[in-house]
Amino acid sequence: MANAEWYETPANVLGLADWLNDGGWFSTPQDALRFFEKPWKWTREFGLWRLWREADAANDEKLREAAVDALDDGNTAASDVRALLGQ
């Protein structure tokens, strides 16, 4: 099988949705529905979620906080967070 896009794997979509929901990104059911209608529009957030998961597994609080801060600022990608932290 060719490399699938992240949003073609249900566990990725559901995991990201759960993380976004925990972070308060879905204020209404309609917000969640919009996410599931077009998950590919959330690729930046998916990268940050993966970074957060990596940091969580390594118990790296600084990286975990940086991923959440980047999510909240709306512009910073996971690669930018790594560069800022020298990783």
PDB file of N, CA and C in Angstrom:
ATOM      1  N   MET A   1       0.837  -1.178   0.000  1.00  0.00           N
ATOM      2  CA  MET A   1       0.000   0.000   0.000  1.00  0.00           C
ATOM      3  C   MET A   1       0.885   1.245   0.000  1.00  0.00           C
ATOM      4  N   ALA A   2       0.524   2.207  -0.798  1.00  0.00           N
ATOM      5  CA  ALA A   2       1.271   3.463  -0.842  1.00  0.00           C
ATOM      6  C   ALA A   2       1.105   4.199   0.480  1.00  0.00           C
ATOM      7  N   ASN A   3       1.973   5.160   0.709  1.00  0.00           N
ATOM      8  CA  ASN A   3       1.873   5.940   1.934  1.00  0.00           C
ATOM      9  C   ASN A   3       0.519   6.638   1.998  1.00  0.00           C
ATOM     10  N   ALA A   4      -0.208   6.336   3.034  1.00  0.00           N
ATOM     11  CA  ALA A   4      -1.518   6.955   3.230  1.00  0.00           C
ATOM     12  C   ALA A   4      -1.330   8.317   3.886  1.00  0.00           C
ATOM     13  N   GLU A   5      -2.227   9.203   3.597  1.00  0.00           N
ATOM     14  CA  GLU A   5      -2.245  10.484   4.279  1.00  0.00           C
ATOM     15  C   GLU A   5      -2.689  10.246   5.724  1.00  0.00           C
ATOM     16  N   TRP A   6      -2.264  11.099   6.626  1.00  0.00           N
ATOM     17  CA  TRP A   6      -2.571  10.900   8.037  1.00  0.00           C
ATOM     18  C   TRP A   6      -4.073  10.786   8.281  1.00  0.00           C
ATOM     19  N   TYR A   7      -4.848  11.548   7.547  1.00  0.00           N
ATOM     20  CA  TYR A   7      -6.299  11.594   7.775  1.00  0.00           C
ATOM     21  C   TYR A   7      -7.033  10.390   7.193  1.00  0.00           C
ATOM     22  N   GLU A   8      -6.318   9.501   6.508  1.00  0.00           N
ATOM     23  CA  GLU A   8      -6.925   8.274   6.001  1.00  0.00           C
ATOM     24  C   GLU A   8      -6.902   7.157   7.039  1.00  0.00           C
ATOM     25  N   THR A   9      -6.275   7.417   8.168  1.00  0.00           N
ATOM     26  CA  THR A   9      -6.207   6.441   9.255  1.00  0.00           C
ATOM     27  C   THR A   9      -7.139   6.897  10.375  1.00  0.00           C
ATOM     28  N   PRO A  10      -8.215   6.154  10.621  1.00  0.00           N
ATOM     29  CA  PRO A  10      -9.189   6.581  11.625  1.00  0.00           C
ATOM     30  C   PRO A  10      -8.589   6.887  12.998  1.00  0.00           C
ATOM     31  N   ALA A  11      -7.611   6.103  13.426  1.00  0.00           N
ATOM     32  CA  ALA A  11      -7.014   6.345  14.743  1.00  0.00           C
ATOM     33  C   ALA A  11      -6.352   7.721  14.810  1.00  0.00           C
ATOM     34  N   ASN A  12      -5.765   8.165  13.713  1.00  0.00           N
ATOM     35  CA  ASN A  12      -5.165   9.501  13.684  1.00  0.00           C
ATOM     36  C   ASN A  12      -6.225  10.585  13.812  1.00  0.00           C
ATOM     37  N   VAL A  13      -7.287  10.442  13.041  1.00  0.00           N
ATOM     38  CA  VAL A  13      -8.352  11.449  13.048  1.00  0.00           C
ATOM     39  C   VAL A  13      -9.014  11.505  14.422  1.00  0.00           C
ATOM     40  N   LEU A  14      -9.333  10.344  14.971  1.00  0.00           N
ATOM     41  CA  LEU A  14      -9.983  10.308  16.274  1.00  0.00           C
ATOM     42  C   LEU A  14      -9.059  10.793  17.386  1.00  0.00           C
ATOM     43  N   GLY A  15      -7.791  10.423  17.325  1.00  0.00           N
ATOM     44  CA  GLY A  15      -6.833  10.874  18.334  1.00  0.00           C
ATOM     45  C   GLY A  15      -6.657  12.379  18.319  1.00  0.00           C
ATOM     46  N   LEU A  16      -6.534  12.942  17.120  1.00  0.00           N
ATOM     47  CA  LEU A  16      -6.405  14.394  17.011  1.00  0.00           C
ATOM     48  C   LEU A  16      -7.677  15.076  17.496  1.00  0.00           C
ATOM     49  N   ALA A  17      -8.821  14.553  17.112  1.00  0.00           N
ATOM     50  CA  ALA A  17     -10.093  15.143  17.547  1.00  0.00           C
ATOM     51  C   ALA A  17     -10.207  15.120  19.068  1.00  0.00           C
ATOM     52  N   ASP A  18      -9.801  14.034  19.680  1.00  0.00           N
ATOM     53  CA  ASP A  18      -9.854  13.923  21.140  1.00  0.00           C
ATOM     54  C   ASP A  18      -8.953  14.966  21.793  1.00  0.00           C
ATOM     55  N   TRP A  19      -7.731  15.128  21.253  1.00  0.00           N
ATOM     56  CA  TRP A  19      -6.779  16.107  21.799  1.00  0.00           C
ATOM     57  C   TRP A  19      -7.318  17.528  21.631  1.00  0.00           C
ATOM     58  N   LEU A  20      -7.863  17.815  20.461  1.00  0.00           N
ATOM     59  CA  LEU A  20      -8.435  19.141  20.228  1.00  0.00           C
ATOM     60  C   LEU A  20      -9.621  19.397  21.153  1.00  0.00           C
ATOM     61  N   ASN A  21     -10.449  18.393  21.331  1.00  0.00           N
ATOM     62  CA  ASN A  21     -11.591  18.535  22.220  1.00  0.00           C
ATOM     63  C   ASN A  21     -11.137  18.780  23.656  1.00  0.00           C
ATOM     64  N   ASP A  22     -10.143  18.015  24.108  1.00  0.00           N
ATOM     65  CA  ASP A  22      -9.609  18.210  25.460  1.00  0.00           C
ATOM     66  C   ASP A  22      -9.053  19.613  25.639  1.00  0.00           C
ATOM     67  N   GLY A  23      -8.528  20.185  24.553  1.00  0.00           N
ATOM     68  CA  GLY A  23      -7.970  21.529  24.610  1.00  0.00           C
ATOM     69  C   GLY A  23      -8.994  22.642  24.430  1.00  0.00           C
ATOM     70  N   GLY A  24     -10.260  22.251  24.281  1.00  0.00           N
ATOM     71  CA  GLY A  24     -11.313  23.240  24.163  1.00  0.00           C
ATOM     72  C   GLY A  24     -11.501  23.821  22.774  1.00  0.00           C
ATOM     73  N   TRP A  25     -11.003  23.131  21.761  1.00  0.00           N
ATOM     74  CA  TRP A  25     -11.107  23.638  20.389  1.00  0.00           C
ATOM     75  C   TRP A  25     -12.484  23.447  19.783  1.00  0.00           C
ATOM     76  N   PHE A  26     -13.264  22.551  20.330  1.00  0.00           N
ATOM     77  CA  PHE A  26     -14.619  22.344  19.821  1.00  0.00           C
ATOM     78  C   PHE A  26     -15.601  22.901  20.848  1.00  0.00           C
ATOM     79  N   SER A  27     -16.154  24.061  20.540  1.00  0.00           N
ATOM     80  CA  SER A  27     -17.102  24.699  21.454  1.00  0.00           C
ATOM     81  C   SER A  27     -18.510  24.146  21.282  1.00  0.00           C
ATOM     82  N   THR A  28     -18.793  23.687  20.086  1.00  0.00           N
ATOM     83  CA  THR A  28     -20.136  23.197  19.766  1.00  0.00           C
ATOM     84  C   THR A  28     -20.015  21.889  18.987  1.00  0.00           C
ATOM     85  N   PRO A  29     -21.084  21.130  18.923  1.00  0.00           N
ATOM     86  CA  PRO A  29     -21.057  19.932  18.082  1.00  0.00           C
ATOM     87  C   PRO A  29     -20.744  20.265  16.620  1.00  0.00           C
ATOM     88  N   GLN A  30     -21.161  21.431  16.163  1.00  0.00           N
ATOM     89  CA  GLN A  30     -20.893  21.837  14.787  1.00  0.00           C
ATOM     90  C   GLN A  30     -19.392  21.987  14.533  1.00  0.00           C
ATOM     91  N   ASP A  31     -18.651  22.449  15.531  1.00  0.00           N
ATOM     92  CA  ASP A  31     -17.189  22.555  15.391  1.00  0.00           C
ATOM     93  C   ASP A  31     -16.581  21.178  15.141  1.00  0.00           C
ATOM     94  N   ALA A  32     -17.031  20.204  15.900  1.00  0.00           N
ATOM     95  CA  ALA A  32     -16.520  18.841  15.729  1.00  0.00           C
ATOM     96  C   ALA A  32     -16.927  18.278  14.373  1.00  0.00           C
ATOM     97  N   LEU A  33     -18.146  18.534  13.965  1.00  0.00           N
ATOM     98  CA  LEU A  33     -18.587  18.051  12.652  1.00  0.00           C
ATOM     99  C   LEU A  33     -17.761  18.651  11.533  1.00  0.00           C
ATOM    100  N   ARG A  34     -17.438  19.934  11.627  1.00  0.00           N
ATOM    101  CA  ARG A  34     -16.599  20.575  10.601  1.00  0.00           C
ATOM    102  C   ARG A  34     -15.228  19.905  10.530  1.00  0.00           C
ATOM    103  N   PHE A  35     -14.692  19.541  11.692  1.00  0.00           N
ATOM    104  CA  PHE A  35     -13.410  18.841  11.722  1.00  0.00           C
ATOM    105  C   PHE A  35     -13.514  17.517  10.964  1.00  0.00           C
ATOM    106  N   PHE A  36     -14.529  16.728  11.275  1.00  0.00           N
ATOM    107  CA  PHE A  36     -14.658  15.409  10.655  1.00  0.00           C
ATOM    108  C   PHE A  36     -15.023  15.491   9.171  1.00  0.00           C
ATOM    109  N   GLU A  37     -15.656  16.572   8.751  1.00  0.00           N
ATOM    110  CA  GLU A  37     -15.975  16.733   7.336  1.00  0.00           C
ATOM    111  C   GLU A  37     -14.723  16.942   6.490  1.00  0.00           C
ATOM    112  N   LYS A  38     -13.737  17.668   7.033  1.00  0.00           N
ATOM    113  CA  LYS A  38     -12.526  17.998   6.272  1.00  0.00           C
ATOM    114  C   LYS A  38     -11.288  17.925   7.168  1.00  0.00           C
ATOM    115  N   PRO A  39     -10.942  16.726   7.620  1.00  0.00           N
ATOM    116  CA  PRO A  39      -9.807  16.625   8.539  1.00  0.00           C
ATOM    117  C   PRO A  39      -8.471  17.039   7.901  1.00  0.00           C
ATOM    118  N   TRP A  40      -8.345  16.945   6.579  1.00  0.00           N
ATOM    119  CA  TRP A  40      -7.086  17.303   5.921  1.00  0.00           C
ATOM    120  C   TRP A  40      -6.748  18.773   6.107  1.00  0.00           C
ATOM    121  N   LYS A  41      -7.705  19.586   6.487  1.00  0.00           N
ATOM    122  CA  LYS A  41      -7.428  20.997   6.739  1.00  0.00           C
ATOM    123  C   LYS A  41      -6.751  21.218   8.096  1.00  0.00           C
ATOM    124  N   TRP A  42      -6.542  20.146   8.838  1.00  0.00           N
ATOM    125  CA  TRP A  42      -5.980  20.216  10.181  1.00  0.00           C
ATOM    126  C   TRP A  42      -4.580  19.584  10.240  1.00  0.00           C
ATOM    127  N   THR A  43      -3.855  19.638   9.147  1.00  0.00           N
ATOM    128  CA  THR A  43      -2.543  18.990   9.091  1.00  0.00           C
ATOM    129  C   THR A  43      -1.539  19.632  10.040  1.00  0.00           C
ATOM    130  N   ARG A  44      -1.559  20.954  10.173  1.00  0.00           N
ATOM    131  CA  ARG A  44      -0.654  21.624  11.127  1.00  0.00           C
ATOM    132  C   ARG A  44      -0.928  21.118  12.535  1.00  0.00           C
ATOM    133  N   GLU A  45      -2.184  21.043  12.891  1.00  0.00           N
ATOM    134  CA  GLU A  45      -2.562  20.579  14.218  1.00  0.00           C
ATOM    135  C   GLU A  45      -2.187  19.115  14.425  1.00  0.00           C
ATOM    136  N   PHE A  46      -2.294  18.313  13.363  1.00  0.00           N
ATOM    137  CA  PHE A  46      -1.899  16.913  13.463  1.00  0.00           C
ATOM    138  C   PHE A  46      -0.410  16.804  13.790  1.00  0.00           C
ATOM    139  N   GLY A  47       0.416  17.610  13.146  1.00  0.00           N
ATOM    140  CA  GLY A  47       1.851  17.605  13.444  1.00  0.00           C
ATOM    141  C   GLY A  47       2.136  17.978  14.886  1.00  0.00           C
ATOM    142  N   LEU A  48       1.405  18.935  15.405  1.00  0.00           N
ATOM    143  CA  LEU A  48       1.587  19.342  16.804  1.00  0.00           C
ATOM    144  C   LEU A  48       1.105  18.255  17.758  1.00  0.00           C
ATOM    145  N   TRP A  49       0.026  17.577  17.398  1.00  0.00           N
ATOM    146  CA  TRP A  49      -0.450  16.477  18.227  1.00  0.00           C
ATOM    147  C   TRP A  49       0.586  15.362  18.287  1.00  0.00           C
ATOM    148  N   ARG A  50       1.169  15.045  17.152  1.00  0.00           N
ATOM    149  CA  ARG A  50       2.217  14.004  17.136  1.00  0.00           C
ATOM    150  C   ARG A  50       3.408  14.429  17.991  1.00  0.00           C
ATOM    151  N   LEU A  51       3.772  15.701  17.898  1.00  0.00           N
ATOM    152  CA  LEU A  51       4.869  16.220  18.717  1.00  0.00           C
ATOM    153  C   LEU A  51       4.507  16.126  20.198  1.00  0.00           C
ATOM    154  N   TRP A  52       3.279  16.496  20.535  1.00  0.00           N
ATOM    155  CA  TRP A  52       2.820  16.423  21.921  1.00  0.00           C
ATOM    156  C   TRP A  52       2.855  14.983  22.428  1.00  0.00           C
ATOM    157  N   ARG A  53       2.408  14.030  21.594  1.00  0.00           N
ATOM    158  CA  ARG A  53       2.430  12.619  21.984  1.00  0.00           C
ATOM    159  C   ARG A  53       3.855  12.136  22.221  1.00  0.00           C
ATOM    160  N   GLU A  54       4.766  12.550  21.343  1.00  0.00           N
ATOM    161  CA  GLU A  54       6.175  12.182  21.512  1.00  0.00           C
ATOM    162  C   GLU A  54       6.709  12.741  22.830  1.00  0.00           C
ATOM    163  N   ALA A  55       6.383  14.000  23.104  1.00  0.00           N
ATOM    164  CA  ALA A  55       6.831  14.639  24.343  1.00  0.00           C
ATOM    165  C   ALA A  55       6.210  13.965  25.558  1.00  0.00           C
ATOM    166  N   ASP A  56       4.945  13.580  25.444  1.00  0.00           N
ATOM    167  CA  ASP A  56       4.262  12.914  26.542  1.00  0.00           C
ATOM    168  C   ASP A  56       4.920  11.569  26.846  1.00  0.00           C
ATOM    169  N   ALA A  57       5.250  10.823  25.807  1.00  0.00           N
ATOM    170  CA  ALA A  57       5.898   9.517  25.986  1.00  0.00           C
ATOM    171  C   ALA A  57       7.281   9.659  26.618  1.00  0.00           C
ATOM    172  N   ALA A  58       7.964  10.769  26.306  1.00  0.00           N
ATOM    173  CA  ALA A  58       9.307  11.005  26.840  1.00  0.00           C
ATOM    174  C   ALA A  58       9.269  11.785  28.153  1.00  0.00           C
ATOM    175  N   ASN A  59       8.065  12.108  28.623  1.00  0.00           N
ATOM    176  CA  ASN A  59       7.888  12.906  29.829  1.00  0.00           C
ATOM    177  C   ASN A  59       8.636  14.241  29.729  1.00  0.00           C
ATOM    178  N   ASP A  60       8.561  14.860  28.555  1.00  0.00           N
ATOM    179  CA  ASP A  60       9.231  16.135  28.278  1.00  0.00           C
ATOM    180  C   ASP A  60       8.216  17.270  28.399  1.00  0.00           C
ATOM    181  N   GLU A  61       8.100  17.805  29.603  1.00  0.00           N
ATOM    182  CA  GLU A  61       7.092  18.833  29.886  1.00  0.00           C
ATOM    183  C   GLU A  61       7.305  20.090  29.045  1.00  0.00           C
ATOM    184  N   LYS A  62       8.544  20.469  28.829  1.00  0.00           N
ATOM    185  CA  LYS A  62       8.834  21.674  28.047  1.00  0.00           C
ATOM    186  C   LYS A  62       8.333  21.533  26.609  1.00  0.00           C
ATOM    187  N   LEU A  63       8.589  20.395  26.003  1.00  0.00           N
ATOM    188  CA  LEU A  63       8.144  20.148  24.636  1.00  0.00           C
ATOM    189  C   LEU A  63       6.617  20.023  24.572  1.00  0.00           C
ATOM    190  N   ARG A  64       6.042  19.378  25.573  1.00  0.00           N
ATOM    191  CA  ARG A  64       4.580  19.258  25.635  1.00  0.00           C
ATOM    192  C   ARG A  64       3.932  20.639  25.686  1.00  0.00           C
ATOM    193  N   GLU A  65       4.431  21.501  26.551  1.00  0.00           N
ATOM    194  CA  GLU A  65       3.887  22.860  26.674  1.00  0.00           C
ATOM    195  C   GLU A  65       4.102  23.660  25.395  1.00  0.00           C
ATOM    196  N   ALA A  66       5.258  23.482  24.763  1.00  0.00           N
ATOM    197  CA  ALA A  66       5.539  24.208  23.521  1.00  0.00           C
ATOM    198  C   ALA A  66       4.577  23.784  22.410  1.00  0.00           C
ATOM    199  N   ALA A  67       4.226  22.506  22.364  1.00  0.00           N
ATOM    200  CA  ALA A  67       3.277  22.027  21.354  1.00  0.00           C
ATOM    201  C   ALA A  67       1.896  22.631  21.578  1.00  0.00           C
ATOM    202  N   VAL A  68       1.466  22.687  22.824  1.00  0.00           N
ATOM    203  CA  VAL A  68       0.163  23.285  23.141  1.00  0.00           C
ATOM    204  C   VAL A  68       0.173  24.781  22.847  1.00  0.00           C
ATOM    205  N   ASP A  69       1.247  25.467  23.216  1.00  0.00           N
ATOM    206  CA  ASP A  69       1.354  26.902  22.922  1.00  0.00           C
ATOM    207  C   ASP A  69       1.290  27.154  21.418  1.00  0.00           C
ATOM    208  N   ALA A  70       1.959  26.314  20.648  1.00  0.00           N
ATOM    209  CA  ALA A  70       1.944  26.461  19.188  1.00  0.00           C
ATOM    210  C   ALA A  70       0.548  26.221  18.642  1.00  0.00           C
ATOM    211  N   LEU A  71      -0.160  25.262  19.203  1.00  0.00           N
ATOM    212  CA  LEU A  71      -1.534  25.011  18.785  1.00  0.00           C
ATOM    213  C   LEU A  71      -2.384  26.252  19.028  1.00  0.00           C
ATOM    214  N   ASP A  72      -2.208  26.849  20.177  1.00  0.00           N
ATOM    215  CA  ASP A  72      -3.009  28.015  20.546  1.00  0.00           C
ATOM    216  C   ASP A  72      -2.671  29.254  19.731  1.00  0.00           C
ATOM    217  N   ASP A  73      -1.415  29.389  19.280  1.00  0.00           N
ATOM    218  CA  ASP A  73      -1.063  30.613  18.541  1.00  0.00           C
ATOM    219  C   ASP A  73      -1.578  30.594  17.102  1.00  0.00           C
ATOM    220  N   GLY A  74      -1.897  29.401  16.596  1.00  0.00           N
ATOM    221  CA  GLY A  74      -2.538  29.311  15.296  1.00  0.00           C
ATOM    222  C   GLY A  74      -1.632  29.378  14.085  1.00  0.00           C
ATOM    223  N   ASN A  75      -0.335  29.562  14.260  1.00  0.00           N
ATOM    224  CA  ASN A  75       0.568  29.690  13.117  1.00  0.00           C
ATOM    225  C   ASN A  75       1.765  28.752  13.151  1.00  0.00           C
ATOM    226  N   THR A  76       2.219  28.404  14.326  1.00  0.00           N
ATOM    227  CA  THR A  76       3.461  27.659  14.473  1.00  0.00           C
ATOM    228  C   THR A  76       3.268  26.180  14.170  1.00  0.00           C
ATOM    229  N   ALA A  77       4.151  25.643  13.348  1.00  0.00           N
ATOM    230  CA  ALA A  77       4.125  24.221  13.004  1.00  0.00           C
ATOM    231  C   ALA A  77       5.052  23.443  13.936  1.00  0.00           C
ATOM    232  N   ALA A  78       4.904  22.130  13.933  1.00  0.00           N
ATOM    233  CA  ALA A  78       5.737  21.273  14.779  1.00  0.00           C
ATOM    234  C   ALA A  78       7.218  21.465  14.472  1.00  0.00           C
ATOM    235  N   SER A  79       7.572  21.618  13.199  1.00  0.00           N
ATOM    236  CA  SER A  79       8.985  21.818  12.840  1.00  0.00           C
ATOM    237  C   SER A  79       9.519  23.122  13.416  1.00  0.00           C
ATOM    238  N   ASP A  80       8.668  24.142  13.510  1.00  0.00           N
ATOM    239  CA  ASP A  80       9.081  25.411  14.124  1.00  0.00           C
ATOM    240  C   ASP A  80       9.332  25.238  15.612  1.00  0.00           C
ATOM    241  N   VAL A  81       8.497  24.448  16.282  1.00  0.00           N
ATOM    242  CA  VAL A  81       8.672  24.204  17.709  1.00  0.00           C
ATOM    243  C   VAL A  81       9.995  23.496  17.941  1.00  0.00           C
ATOM    244  N   ARG A  82      10.265  22.475  17.118  1.00  0.00           N
ATOM    245  CA  ARG A  82      11.547  21.752  17.261  1.00  0.00           C
ATOM    246  C   ARG A  82      12.732  22.701  17.070  1.00  0.00           C
ATOM    247  N   ALA A  83      12.652  23.567  16.062  1.00  0.00           N
ATOM    248  CA  ALA A  83      13.741  24.506  15.792  1.00  0.00           C
ATOM    249  C   ALA A  83      13.936  25.469  16.959  1.00  0.00           C
ATOM    250  N   LEU A  84      12.832  25.963  17.520  1.00  0.00           N
ATOM    251  CA  LEU A  84      12.916  26.885  18.637  1.00  0.00           C
ATOM    252  C   LEU A  84      13.556  26.247  19.871  1.00  0.00           C
ATOM    253  N   LEU A  85      13.307  24.954  20.039  1.00  0.00           N
ATOM    254  CA  LEU A  85      13.848  24.232  21.195  1.00  0.00           C
ATOM    255  C   LEU A  85      15.190  23.581  20.891  1.00  0.00           C
ATOM    256  N   GLY A  86      15.679  23.766  19.661  1.00  0.00           N
ATOM    257  CA  GLY A  86      16.973  23.201  19.292  1.00  0.00           C
ATOM    258  C   GLY A  86      16.952  21.694  19.157  1.00  0.00           C
ATOM    259  N   GLN A  87      15.846  21.145  18.678  1.00  0.00           N
ATOM    260  CA  GLN A  87      15.732  19.693  18.524  1.00  0.00           C
ATOM    261  C   GLN A  87      15.729  19.300  17.074  1.00  0.00           C
TER     262      GLN A  87
END
